[in-house]
Amino acid sequence: MRRNKEGFQRKEGLQAQLLQVYQRLWEKFGPRHWWPAETPFEVIVGAILTQNVAWRNVQKAIGNLKAREALRAEALLALPEAELEELIRPTRYYKVKARKLKAFCLYLHKNYGGSLEALFARPLPELRKELLGVWGLGKETVDSILCYAGGKAIMPMDAYTVRIFSRLGLVPEKISYDRLQELFIANLPAGNRLFNEYHALIDALGHYICLPQEPRCLECPLRAICSWAAGKGVPGSHDESALAVPGQ
């Protein structure tokens, strides 16, 4: 495959290949209905709490907040920090995460009167830059908030994305968050629905099949187009006809 100096394949073939990956994942997993939440604010809380912890632990913490009737920005601000820490203890690093939740809620209150509708009315580039200025919010968390709570046309990146697409041979193993995100944003039809579902499908594959150690390659819907699987001699891997892009 021809690549440019940064390790990406030539642009004219990327969209077809990215869409082929999406289609194979969709056929395997179906719609993921992600993010599992009742309100946009619950999505935001989940995005902040889910870093470095299993989702089941996040669900426990959110259940605690609901039982305390504290799953609202004003309620979280009113909670003593020690009590908030105890409620979200299942998520690990709960002291830091409590500060992050408080920081976001304070930002929302001061700048938008507590209104998520007003927050998400801002243009995407300006809002993303603004949210990245909130204490404790990194790129993955911000993009998850924008995509899943705000319905914005942006796709979060994570460790699953790096692992899967480097194994496919589409990106280098060591690639920055911004460069990886650019690969998708620049080569896929823009739209929240696609970015939302694609990210969720990637995470399903990374969680259940494309594991960091002993991946379950024989169950993988991408086996036929995976360079890593071909290198390991996995049956049915690296089918050249499956890799072909029309016109190339």
Protein backbone atom coordinates (compact mmCIF):
# COMPACT_ATOMS: atom_id res chain seq x y z
CA MET A 1 0.00 0.00 0.00
CA ARG A 2 1.26 3.46 -0.80
CA ARG A 3 1.67 5.80 2.15
CA ASN A 4 2.63 9.42 2.63
CA LYS A 5 5.54 10.49 4.80
CA GLU A 6 3.36 10.56 7.95
CA GLY A 7 2.38 6.91 7.57
CA PHE A 8 -1.16 7.41 6.27
CA GLN A 9 -2.38 5.74 3.14
CA ARG A 10 -3.15 7.94 0.14
CA LYS A 11 -6.23 10.02 0.78
CA GLU A 12 -8.24 8.80 -2.20
CA GLY A 13 -8.41 5.28 -0.73
CA LEU A 14 -8.92 6.16 2.90
CA GLN A 15 -12.62 6.98 2.86
CA ALA A 16 -13.49 3.69 1.17
CA GLN A 17 -11.37 1.74 3.64
CA LEU A 18 -12.71 3.56 6.70
CA LEU A 19 -16.26 3.00 5.53
CA GLN A 20 -15.47 -0.66 4.87
CA VAL A 21 -14.27 -1.02 8.46
CA TYR A 22 -17.43 0.71 9.69
CA GLN A 23 -19.67 -1.59 7.64
CA ARG A 24 -17.94 -4.73 8.92
CA LEU A 25 -18.24 -3.54 12.52
CA TRP A 26 -21.90 -2.64 12.02
CA GLU A 27 -22.65 -6.09 10.60
CA LYS A 28 -20.95 -7.70 13.61
CA PHE A 29 -22.31 -5.59 16.46
CA GLY A 30 -25.31 -3.67 15.12
CA PRO A 31 -26.28 -0.24 16.50
CA ARG A 32 -24.69 0.38 19.90
CA HIS A 33 -27.19 2.96 21.23
CA TRP A 34 -24.36 4.81 22.90
CA TRP A 35 -24.19 6.79 25.22
CA PRO A 36 -26.37 4.98 27.82
CA ALA A 37 -27.85 7.89 29.75
CA GLU A 38 -31.18 9.52 30.47
CA THR A 39 -30.04 13.13 30.07
CA PRO A 40 -27.18 15.09 28.45
CA PHE A 41 -25.90 16.00 31.91
CA GLU A 42 -25.69 12.32 32.80
CA VAL A 43 -23.59 11.80 29.64
CA ILE A 44 -21.22 14.55 30.79
CA VAL A 45 -20.86 13.07 34.26
CA GLY A 46 -20.22 9.65 32.73
CA ALA A 47 -17.60 11.04 30.34
CA ILE A 48 -15.71 12.58 33.26
CA LEU A 49 -15.97 9.51 35.50
CA THR A 50 -15.17 6.84 32.90
CA GLN A 51 -11.48 7.65 32.53
CA ASN A 52 -9.27 4.71 33.63
CA VAL A 53 -12.12 2.62 34.98
CA ALA A 54 -14.60 0.00 33.76
CA TRP A 55 -18.03 1.27 32.75
CA ARG A 56 -19.75 -0.87 35.38
CA ASN A 57 -17.99 1.20 38.05
CA VAL A 58 -19.25 4.39 36.44
CA GLN A 59 -22.78 2.99 36.52
CA LYS A 60 -22.45 2.35 40.25
CA ALA A 61 -21.34 5.94 40.85
CA ILE A 62 -24.11 7.38 38.71
CA GLY A 63 -26.60 5.19 40.58
CA ASN A 64 -25.29 6.68 43.84
CA LEU A 65 -25.73 10.22 42.49
CA LYS A 66 -29.27 9.47 41.34
CA ALA A 67 -30.18 8.00 44.71
CA ARG A 68 -28.87 11.20 46.33
CA GLU A 69 -30.82 13.28 43.76
CA ALA A 70 -27.53 14.92 42.86
CA LEU A 71 -27.35 14.28 39.11
CA ARG A 72 -27.83 17.97 38.30
CA ALA A 73 -25.21 20.70 38.02
CA GLU A 74 -26.64 22.83 40.82
CA ALA A 75 -26.97 19.78 43.08
CA LEU A 76 -23.38 18.73 42.48
CA LEU A 77 -22.17 22.23 43.25
CA ALA A 78 -24.09 22.23 46.50
CA LEU A 79 -22.68 18.89 47.66
CA PRO A 80 -19.73 19.01 50.07
CA GLU A 81 -16.70 17.72 48.22
CA ALA A 82 -16.13 14.91 50.72
CA GLU A 83 -19.68 13.64 50.17
CA LEU A 84 -19.29 13.81 46.40
CA GLU A 85 -16.05 11.85 46.65
CA GLU A 86 -17.81 9.12 48.59
CA LEU A 87 -20.65 8.89 46.07
CA ILE A 88 -18.25 8.42 43.15
CA ARG A 89 -15.73 6.25 45.02
CA PRO A 90 -16.36 3.21 42.72
CA THR A 91 -14.72 5.05 39.80
CA ARG A 92 -11.14 5.19 41.21
CA TYR A 93 -9.24 8.48 41.44
CA TYR A 94 -12.48 9.73 42.95
CA LYS A 95 -10.90 12.73 44.67
CA VAL A 96 -9.57 14.13 41.40
CA LYS A 97 -12.78 13.25 39.56
CA ALA A 98 -14.86 15.05 42.19
CA ARG A 99 -12.79 18.18 41.53
CA LYS A 100 -13.32 17.76 37.78
CA LEU A 101 -17.09 17.48 38.21
CA LYS A 102 -17.14 20.55 40.43
CA ALA A 103 -14.96 22.47 37.94
CA PHE A 104 -17.28 21.68 35.04
CA CYS A 105 -20.43 22.57 37.00
CA LEU A 106 -18.91 25.85 38.15
CA TYR A 107 -17.91 26.67 34.56
CA LEU A 108 -21.43 25.87 33.34
CA HIS A 109 -22.99 28.01 36.08
CA LYS A 110 -20.71 31.01 35.62
CA ASN A 111 -20.73 31.10 31.82
CA TYR A 112 -24.15 29.74 30.85
CA GLY A 113 -26.32 30.08 33.92
CA GLY A 114 -26.32 26.31 34.25
CA SER A 115 -27.92 25.84 30.80
CA LEU A 116 -26.61 23.03 28.64
CA GLU A 117 -28.80 24.29 25.81
CA ALA A 118 -26.94 27.60 25.86
CA LEU A 119 -23.61 25.80 26.12
CA PHE A 120 -24.21 23.56 23.12
CA ALA A 121 -25.54 26.46 21.03
CA ARG A 122 -21.93 27.63 20.67
CA PRO A 123 -20.07 26.80 17.42
CA LEU A 124 -18.07 23.59 17.69
CA PRO A 125 -14.51 24.99 17.27
CA GLU A 126 -15.05 27.73 19.86
CA LEU A 127 -16.82 25.47 22.32
CA ARG A 128 -14.20 22.73 22.08
CA LYS A 129 -11.41 25.21 22.80
CA GLU A 130 -13.39 26.60 25.71
CA LEU A 131 -14.09 23.20 27.25
CA LEU A 132 -10.43 22.21 26.97
CA GLY A 133 -9.75 25.20 29.22
CA VAL A 134 -11.88 23.74 32.02
CA TRP A 135 -9.71 22.23 34.74
CA GLY A 136 -9.22 18.50 34.35
CA LEU A 137 -10.94 18.03 30.98
CA GLY A 138 -8.77 16.41 28.32
CA LYS A 139 -9.41 15.92 24.62
CA GLU A 140 -11.10 12.53 24.83
CA THR A 141 -13.44 13.67 27.59
CA VAL A 142 -14.29 16.93 25.83
CA ASP A 143 -14.93 15.22 22.50
CA SER A 144 -17.14 12.63 24.19
CA ILE A 145 -19.15 15.43 25.78
CA LEU A 146 -19.47 17.26 22.47
CA CYS A 147 -20.40 14.16 20.47
CA TYR A 148 -22.70 12.33 22.86
CA ALA A 149 -24.17 15.10 25.03
CA GLY A 150 -24.06 17.96 22.54
CA GLY A 151 -24.75 16.12 19.28
CA LYS A 152 -21.76 17.79 17.62
CA ALA A 153 -20.03 16.41 14.53
CA ILE A 154 -16.83 15.29 16.20
CA MET A 155 -15.42 11.83 16.89
CA PRO A 156 -13.63 10.97 20.13
CA MET A 157 -10.40 9.00 19.94
CA ASP A 158 -9.15 6.52 22.52
CA ALA A 159 -6.72 3.66 23.13
CA TYR A 160 -9.03 1.23 21.34
CA THR A 161 -8.89 3.37 18.19
CA VAL A 162 -5.09 3.44 18.21
CA ARG A 163 -4.80 -0.30 18.83
CA ILE A 164 -7.29 -1.34 16.15
CA PHE A 165 -6.24 0.99 13.36
CA SER A 166 -2.52 0.47 13.91
CA ARG A 167 -3.09 -3.29 13.76
CA LEU A 168 -5.05 -2.81 10.55
CA GLY A 169 -2.00 -1.00 9.18
CA LEU A 170 -3.84 2.27 8.59
CA VAL A 171 -1.87 4.39 11.09
CA PRO A 172 1.45 4.23 12.94
CA GLU A 173 1.41 2.73 16.44
CA LYS A 174 2.62 5.98 17.94
CA ILE A 175 0.25 8.62 16.64
CA SER A 176 -1.00 11.74 18.34
CA TYR A 177 -4.63 12.21 19.32
CA ASP A 178 -5.00 15.12 16.89
CA ARG A 179 -3.50 13.28 13.92
CA LEU A 180 -5.62 10.22 14.54
CA GLN A 181 -8.77 12.31 14.81
CA GLU A 182 -7.86 14.15 11.62
CA LEU A 183 -7.75 10.81 9.79
CA PHE A 184 -11.45 10.26 10.50
CA ILE A 185 -12.74 13.84 10.35
CA ALA A 186 -11.01 14.58 7.03
CA ASN A 187 -11.94 11.32 5.31
CA LEU A 188 -15.49 10.54 6.41
CA PRO A 189 -18.77 12.30 5.60
CA ALA A 190 -19.26 14.85 8.38
CA GLY A 191 -22.11 14.16 10.76
CA ASN A 192 -22.78 13.31 14.39
CA ARG A 193 -24.69 10.12 13.63
CA LEU A 194 -21.76 8.49 11.82
CA PHE A 195 -19.10 9.68 14.27
CA ASN A 196 -21.26 8.67 17.24
CA GLU A 197 -21.84 5.13 15.95
CA TYR A 198 -18.33 4.60 14.59
CA HIS A 199 -16.69 5.41 17.91
CA ALA A 200 -19.10 3.13 19.77
CA LEU A 201 -18.44 0.26 17.34
CA ILE A 202 -14.67 0.69 17.69
CA ASP A 203 -15.00 0.50 21.45
CA ALA A 204 -17.11 -2.66 21.18
CA LEU A 205 -14.43 -4.35 19.08
CA GLY A 206 -11.63 -3.18 21.38
CA HIS A 207 -13.47 -4.27 24.51
CA TYR A 208 -14.65 -7.70 23.40
CA ILE A 209 -12.34 -8.90 20.61
CA CYS A 210 -9.28 -6.80 19.75
CA LEU A 211 -7.70 -7.17 23.18
CA PRO A 212 -4.24 -5.84 24.05
CA GLN A 213 -3.07 -9.36 24.91
CA GLU A 214 -4.36 -12.52 23.20
CA PRO A 215 -6.88 -10.87 20.88
CA ARG A 216 -9.71 -13.09 19.68
CA CYS A 217 -8.82 -12.77 16.00
CA LEU A 218 -10.92 -15.67 14.77
CA GLU A 219 -14.03 -13.81 15.97
CA CYS A 220 -12.99 -10.48 14.45
CA PRO A 221 -15.02 -9.01 11.57
CA LEU A 222 -11.87 -7.19 10.41
CA ARG A 223 -9.71 -10.30 10.22
CA ALA A 224 -9.63 -10.33 6.41
CA ILE A 225 -8.25 -6.78 6.24
CA CYS A 226 -5.90 -6.84 9.24
CA SER A 227 -2.15 -6.64 8.73
CA TRP A 228 -1.46 -7.66 12.33
CA ALA A 229 -3.57 -10.81 12.03
CA ALA A 230 -1.83 -11.67 8.75
CA GLY A 231 1.54 -11.34 10.46
CA LYS A 232 0.39 -13.79 13.12
CA GLY A 233 -0.82 -16.26 10.50
CA VAL A 234 -4.47 -16.06 11.57
CA PRO A 235 -6.63 -18.13 9.18
CA GLY A 236 -8.61 -15.97 6.79
CA SER A 237 -6.55 -12.84 7.45
CA HIS A 238 -5.31 -10.23 5.01
CA ASP A 239 -7.46 -11.13 2.04
CA GLU A 240 -6.13 -8.93 -0.79
CA SER A 241 -9.53 -8.85 -2.51
CA ALA A 242 -11.09 -7.56 0.71
CA LEU A 243 -8.44 -4.87 0.94
CA ALA A 244 -8.94 -3.60 -2.58
CA VAL A 245 -10.31 -0.11 -3.09
CA PRO A 246 -12.25 0.47 -6.32
CA GLY A 247 -10.20 2.36 -8.88
CA GLN A 248 -6.89 1.86 -7.07
